[in-house]
Structures are given as C-alpha cells and as structure tokens.
Amino acid sequence: MSFNPTELLGREWTTLQHDCERYEHGAMWIKLSAAALFALAIVFGLDTAVAALLMAVLWLQEAILRTNQSRLGARLMRVEAWLREAEPPAGIACQLYTEWTAMRQGTGALLTEYLSNAVRPTVAFPYAVLLAAALALAATATPQ
C-alpha cells in the first residue's frame, strides 16, 4: 500500500491540529489548577512562599507545554504550505521529530525558549496576577 504525499500530509495535518487543540485544553487545566491552588492556599492558610513556588512550577509547566505546542504549530504551518503546492515534495510528511532533532540547538536555547513562552501574555495570565496577589497577601499578613 502506498500513499501519495498529499494524502500523508493531510493525515499529518489532522493529527497535528488535534494535538494542538489538546495542548490548548491541557494549558487551561494547568491555569485552573493554579487558581484552585491559590484559593486553597488562602482557605487553608498555606505558607505564601510555598504557594508561590507551586504556582511558579505550574507557570513553568505551562511554558514547557506551550513550547511543545508552538513546535507543532510551526510544523502545521509548513504542512499547510506544502498542501497548497500542486505536487508536494515526496518524503516530507511525518518528519516532525527528524526535523526538530536536526534544528535542536542545545540546553541553553531550550531554556530560553521555555522562558520566552512563559512571558507571553496568554501564558503569564493568571500566574503573574496570582503571584502578585500572594505577595500582597503576605505583605499584609500579621505575624503571629
């Protein structure tokens, strides 16, 4: 059984699109977890530093997830460009990880990519707000 490049690229597009949407849902669950953690920290009087650290971990986790999602999105854009061609090149479909491995730049670049995703407004919200609120609550708390 052989597939033509357009058919393979169509299947790849469908898979990548589905996975990008799953990443979007995962990011929303991480955000909701951070909000729930903040509420629980207030209700149960959890140490502000511990709550802030846990929210920062969730923020970084979402940044990592968004970095992976952006890789899929970049590949999706290339697949869409190939699908617009009258005859897509053979052998380009289903090469996501081969392509990513060839372009991989090292640990420093990967960490920079994670941090650049973390400061994007759509990622930073609600973490920056929750961390600021936690710090404000800590500053107004009376020592016992």
C-alpha atoms as a PDB file:
ATOM      1  CA  MET A   1       0.000   0.000   0.000  1.00  0.00           C
ATOM      2  CA  SER A   2       1.454   3.368  -0.949  1.00  0.00           C
ATOM      3  CA  PHE A   3       0.230   6.839  -0.142  1.00  0.00           C
ATOM      4  CA  ASN A   4       0.741   9.961  -2.137  1.00  0.00           C
ATOM      5  CA  PRO A   5       2.422  12.931  -0.402  1.00  0.00           C
ATOM      6  CA  THR A   6      -0.810  14.956  -0.307  1.00  0.00           C
ATOM      7  CA  GLU A   7      -2.651  12.164   1.485  1.00  0.00           C
ATOM      8  CA  LEU A   8       0.160  11.723   4.028  1.00  0.00           C
ATOM      9  CA  LEU A   9       0.378  15.459   4.622  1.00  0.00           C
ATOM     10  CA  GLY A  10      -3.401  15.566   5.106  1.00  0.00           C
ATOM     11  CA  ARG A  11      -3.200  12.873   7.744  1.00  0.00           C
ATOM     12  CA  GLU A  12      -0.282  14.643   9.408  1.00  0.00           C
ATOM     13  CA  TRP A  13      -2.213  17.936   9.389  1.00  0.00           C
ATOM     14  CA  THR A  14      -5.211  16.300  11.049  1.00  0.00           C
ATOM     15  CA  THR A  15      -3.050  14.728  13.753  1.00  0.00           C
ATOM     16  CA  LEU A  16      -1.100  17.929  14.426  1.00  0.00           C
ATOM     17  CA  GLN A  17      -4.266  20.028  14.569  1.00  0.00           C
ATOM     18  CA  HIS A  18      -5.846  17.610  17.034  1.00  0.00           C
ATOM     19  CA  ASP A  19      -2.711  17.627  19.195  1.00  0.00           C
ATOM     20  CA  CYS A  20      -2.507  21.438  19.178  1.00  0.00           C
ATOM     21  CA  GLU A  21      -6.064  21.561  20.486  1.00  0.00           C
ATOM     22  CA  ARG A  22      -5.222  19.001  23.183  1.00  0.00           C
ATOM     23  CA  TYR A  23      -2.311  21.191  24.283  1.00  0.00           C
ATOM     24  CA  GLU A  24      -4.730  24.127  24.492  1.00  0.00           C
ATOM     25  CA  HIS A  25      -7.010  22.130  26.795  1.00  0.00           C
ATOM     26  CA  GLY A  26      -4.025  21.000  28.870  1.00  0.00           C
ATOM     27  CA  ALA A  27      -2.905  24.601  29.312  1.00  0.00           C
ATOM     28  CA  MET A  28      -6.368  25.570  30.513  1.00  0.00           C
ATOM     29  CA  TRP A  29      -6.286  22.776  33.104  1.00  0.00           C
ATOM     30  CA  ILE A  30      -2.899  23.968  34.349  1.00  0.00           C
ATOM     31  CA  LYS A  31      -4.274  27.520  34.684  1.00  0.00           C
ATOM     32  CA  LEU A  32      -7.336  26.253  36.548  1.00  0.00           C
ATOM     33  CA  SER A  33      -5.070  24.225  38.839  1.00  0.00           C
ATOM     34  CA  ALA A  34      -3.084  27.360  39.669  1.00  0.00           C
ATOM     35  CA  ALA A  35      -6.273  29.267  40.502  1.00  0.00           C
ATOM     36  CA  ALA A  36      -7.514  26.380  42.651  1.00  0.00           C
ATOM     37  CA  LEU A  37      -4.156  26.168  44.387  1.00  0.00           C
ATOM     38  CA  PHE A  38      -4.316  29.884  45.160  1.00  0.00           C
ATOM     39  CA  ALA A  39      -7.831  29.552  46.579  1.00  0.00           C
ATOM     40  CA  LEU A  40      -6.841  26.528  48.675  1.00  0.00           C
ATOM     41  CA  ALA A  41      -3.753  28.345  49.933  1.00  0.00           C
ATOM     42  CA  ILE A  42      -5.946  31.176  51.187  1.00  0.00           C
ATOM     43  CA  VAL A  43      -8.603  28.898  52.694  1.00  0.00           C
ATOM     44  CA  PHE A  44      -6.139  26.628  54.478  1.00  0.00           C
ATOM     45  CA  GLY A  45      -3.548  29.281  55.310  1.00  0.00           C
ATOM     46  CA  LEU A  46      -0.761  27.621  53.336  1.00  0.00           C
ATOM     47  CA  ASP A  47       2.575  29.404  53.607  1.00  0.00           C
ATOM     48  CA  THR A  48       2.644  32.084  50.918  1.00  0.00           C
ATOM     49  CA  ALA A  49       6.171  31.161  49.815  1.00  0.00           C
ATOM     50  CA  VAL A  50       5.145  27.535  49.288  1.00  0.00           C
ATOM     51  CA  ALA A  51       2.015  28.539  47.372  1.00  0.00           C
ATOM     52  CA  ALA A  52       4.030  30.978  45.239  1.00  0.00           C
ATOM     53  CA  LEU A  53       6.613  28.312  44.479  1.00  0.00           C
ATOM     54  CA  LEU A  54       3.917  25.837  43.428  1.00  0.00           C
ATOM     55  CA  MET A  55       2.282  28.450  41.193  1.00  0.00           C
ATOM     56  CA  ALA A  56       5.673  29.214  39.626  1.00  0.00           C
ATOM     57  CA  VAL A  57       6.124  25.497  38.916  1.00  0.00           C
ATOM     58  CA  LEU A  58       2.714  25.412  37.211  1.00  0.00           C
ATOM     59  CA  TRP A  59       3.653  28.533  35.222  1.00  0.00           C
ATOM     60  CA  LEU A  60       6.838  26.877  34.002  1.00  0.00           C
ATOM     61  CA  GLN A  61       4.953  23.672  33.241  1.00  0.00           C
ATOM     62  CA  GLU A  62       2.575  25.598  31.011  1.00  0.00           C
ATOM     63  CA  ALA A  63       5.537  27.327  29.327  1.00  0.00           C
ATOM     64  CA  ILE A  64       7.007  23.909  28.521  1.00  0.00           C
ATOM     65  CA  LEU A  65       3.655  22.722  27.189  1.00  0.00           C
ATOM     66  CA  ARG A  66       3.302  25.892  25.070  1.00  0.00           C
ATOM     67  CA  THR A  67       6.822  25.418  23.706  1.00  0.00           C
ATOM     68  CA  ASN A  68       5.868  21.950  22.524  1.00  0.00           C
ATOM     69  CA  GLN A  69       2.618  23.308  21.116  1.00  0.00           C
ATOM     70  CA  SER A  70       4.479  26.021  19.200  1.00  0.00           C
ATOM     71  CA  ARG A  71       6.678  23.374  17.588  1.00  0.00           C
ATOM     72  CA  LEU A  72       3.580  21.556  16.414  1.00  0.00           C
ATOM     73  CA  GLY A  73       2.109  24.840  15.201  1.00  0.00           C
ATOM     74  CA  ALA A  74       5.233  25.645  13.196  1.00  0.00           C
ATOM     75  CA  ARG A  75       5.130  22.217  11.608  1.00  0.00           C
ATOM     76  CA  LEU A  76       1.405  22.677  10.894  1.00  0.00           C
ATOM     77  CA  MET A  77       2.190  25.877   9.012  1.00  0.00           C
ATOM     78  CA  ARG A  78       4.819  24.087   6.898  1.00  0.00           C
ATOM     79  CA  VAL A  79       2.398  21.223   6.177  1.00  0.00           C
ATOM     80  CA  GLU A  80      -0.258  23.723   5.107  1.00  0.00           C
ATOM     81  CA  ALA A  81       2.222  25.401   2.756  1.00  0.00           C
ATOM     82  CA  TRP A  82       3.108  22.051   1.209  1.00  0.00           C
ATOM     83  CA  LEU A  83      -0.573  21.195   0.821  1.00  0.00           C
ATOM     84  CA  ARG A  84      -1.059  24.391  -1.223  1.00  0.00           C
ATOM     85  CA  GLU A  85       1.514  23.159  -3.744  1.00  0.00           C
ATOM     86  CA  ALA A  86       0.260  21.362  -6.832  1.00  0.00           C
ATOM     87  CA  GLU A  87       2.629  18.467  -6.145  1.00  0.00           C
ATOM     88  CA  PRO A  88       4.091  18.401  -2.617  1.00  0.00           C
ATOM     89  CA  PRO A  89       7.627  17.004  -2.430  1.00  0.00           C
ATOM     90  CA  ALA A  90       7.832  13.293  -1.625  1.00  0.00           C
ATOM     91  CA  GLY A  91       9.292  12.235   1.713  1.00  0.00           C
ATOM     92  CA  ILE A  92       8.409  15.348   3.714  1.00  0.00           C
ATOM     93  CA  ALA A  93       5.350  14.025   5.514  1.00  0.00           C
ATOM     94  CA  CYS A  94       5.610  12.594   9.013  1.00  0.00           C
ATOM     95  CA  GLN A  95       9.056  14.058   9.700  1.00  0.00           C
ATOM     96  CA  LEU A  96       8.246  16.148  12.789  1.00  0.00           C
ATOM     97  CA  TYR A  97      10.869  14.689  15.130  1.00  0.00           C
ATOM     98  CA  THR A  98      13.533  14.236  12.474  1.00  0.00           C
ATOM     99  CA  GLU A  99      13.092  17.900  11.597  1.00  0.00           C
ATOM    100  CA  TRP A 100      13.101  19.013  15.242  1.00  0.00           C
ATOM    101  CA  THR A 101      16.200  16.956  16.081  1.00  0.00           C
ATOM    102  CA  ALA A 102      18.072  18.469  13.145  1.00  0.00           C
ATOM    103  CA  MET A 103      17.230  22.004  14.330  1.00  0.00           C
ATOM    104  CA  ARG A 104      17.792  21.387  18.063  1.00  0.00           C
ATOM    105  CA  GLN A 105      20.234  23.925  19.494  1.00  0.00           C
ATOM    106  CA  GLY A 106      21.084  22.690  22.983  1.00  0.00           C
ATOM    107  CA  THR A 107      20.010  23.105  26.588  1.00  0.00           C
ATOM    108  CA  GLY A 108      20.575  26.862  26.806  1.00  0.00           C
ATOM    109  CA  ALA A 109      18.454  27.546  23.749  1.00  0.00           C
ATOM    110  CA  LEU A 110      15.752  25.207  25.039  1.00  0.00           C
ATOM    111  CA  LEU A 111      15.612  27.013  28.397  1.00  0.00           C
ATOM    112  CA  THR A 112      15.465  30.361  26.589  1.00  0.00           C
ATOM    113  CA  GLU A 113      12.585  29.037  24.508  1.00  0.00           C
ATOM    114  CA  TYR A 114      10.741  27.942  27.660  1.00  0.00           C
ATOM    115  CA  LEU A 115      11.251  31.335  29.312  1.00  0.00           C
ATOM    116  CA  SER A 116      10.198  33.268  26.208  1.00  0.00           C
ATOM    117  CA  ASN A 117       6.967  31.268  26.153  1.00  0.00           C
ATOM    118  CA  ALA A 118       6.465  31.862  29.883  1.00  0.00           C
ATOM    119  CA  VAL A 119       6.399  35.658  29.453  1.00  0.00           C
ATOM    120  CA  ARG A 120       3.862  35.642  26.625  1.00  0.00           C
ATOM    121  CA  PRO A 121       0.723  37.404  27.942  1.00  0.00           C
ATOM    122  CA  THR A 122      -1.547  34.458  27.165  1.00  0.00           C
ATOM    123  CA  VAL A 123       0.730  32.211  29.225  1.00  0.00           C
ATOM    124  CA  ALA A 124       1.647  34.646  32.011  1.00  0.00           C
ATOM    125  CA  PHE A 125      -2.011  35.197  32.841  1.00  0.00           C
ATOM    126  CA  PRO A 126      -3.136  34.225  35.504  1.00  0.00           C
ATOM    127  CA  TYR A 127       0.187  33.282  37.138  1.00  0.00           C
ATOM    128  CA  ALA A 128       1.622  36.797  37.381  1.00  0.00           C
ATOM    129  CA  VAL A 129      -1.654  38.063  38.856  1.00  0.00           C
ATOM    130  CA  LEU A 130      -1.854  35.199  41.363  1.00  0.00           C
ATOM    131  CA  LEU A 131       1.779  35.616  42.393  1.00  0.00           C
ATOM    132  CA  ALA A 132       1.275  39.377  42.857  1.00  0.00           C
ATOM    133  CA  ALA A 133      -1.839  38.699  44.932  1.00  0.00           C
ATOM    134  CA  ALA A 134       0.041  36.141  47.034  1.00  0.00           C
ATOM    135  CA  LEU A 135       2.837  38.627  47.667  1.00  0.00           C
ATOM    136  CA  ALA A 136       0.306  41.331  48.561  1.00  0.00           C
ATOM    137  CA  LEU A 137      -1.426  38.980  50.991  1.00  0.00           C
ATOM    138  CA  ALA A 138       1.907  38.019  52.519  1.00  0.00           C
ATOM    139  CA  ALA A 139       2.832  41.675  52.975  1.00  0.00           C
ATOM    140  CA  THR A 140      -0.447  42.466  54.730  1.00  0.00           C
ATOM    141  CA  ALA A 141      -0.484  39.330  56.896  1.00  0.00           C
ATOM    142  CA  THR A 142       0.006  39.949  60.571  1.00  0.00           C
ATOM    143  CA  PRO A 143       2.759  37.895  62.220  1.00  0.00           C
ATOM    144  CA  GLN A 144       1.519  35.572  64.930  1.00  0.00           C
END
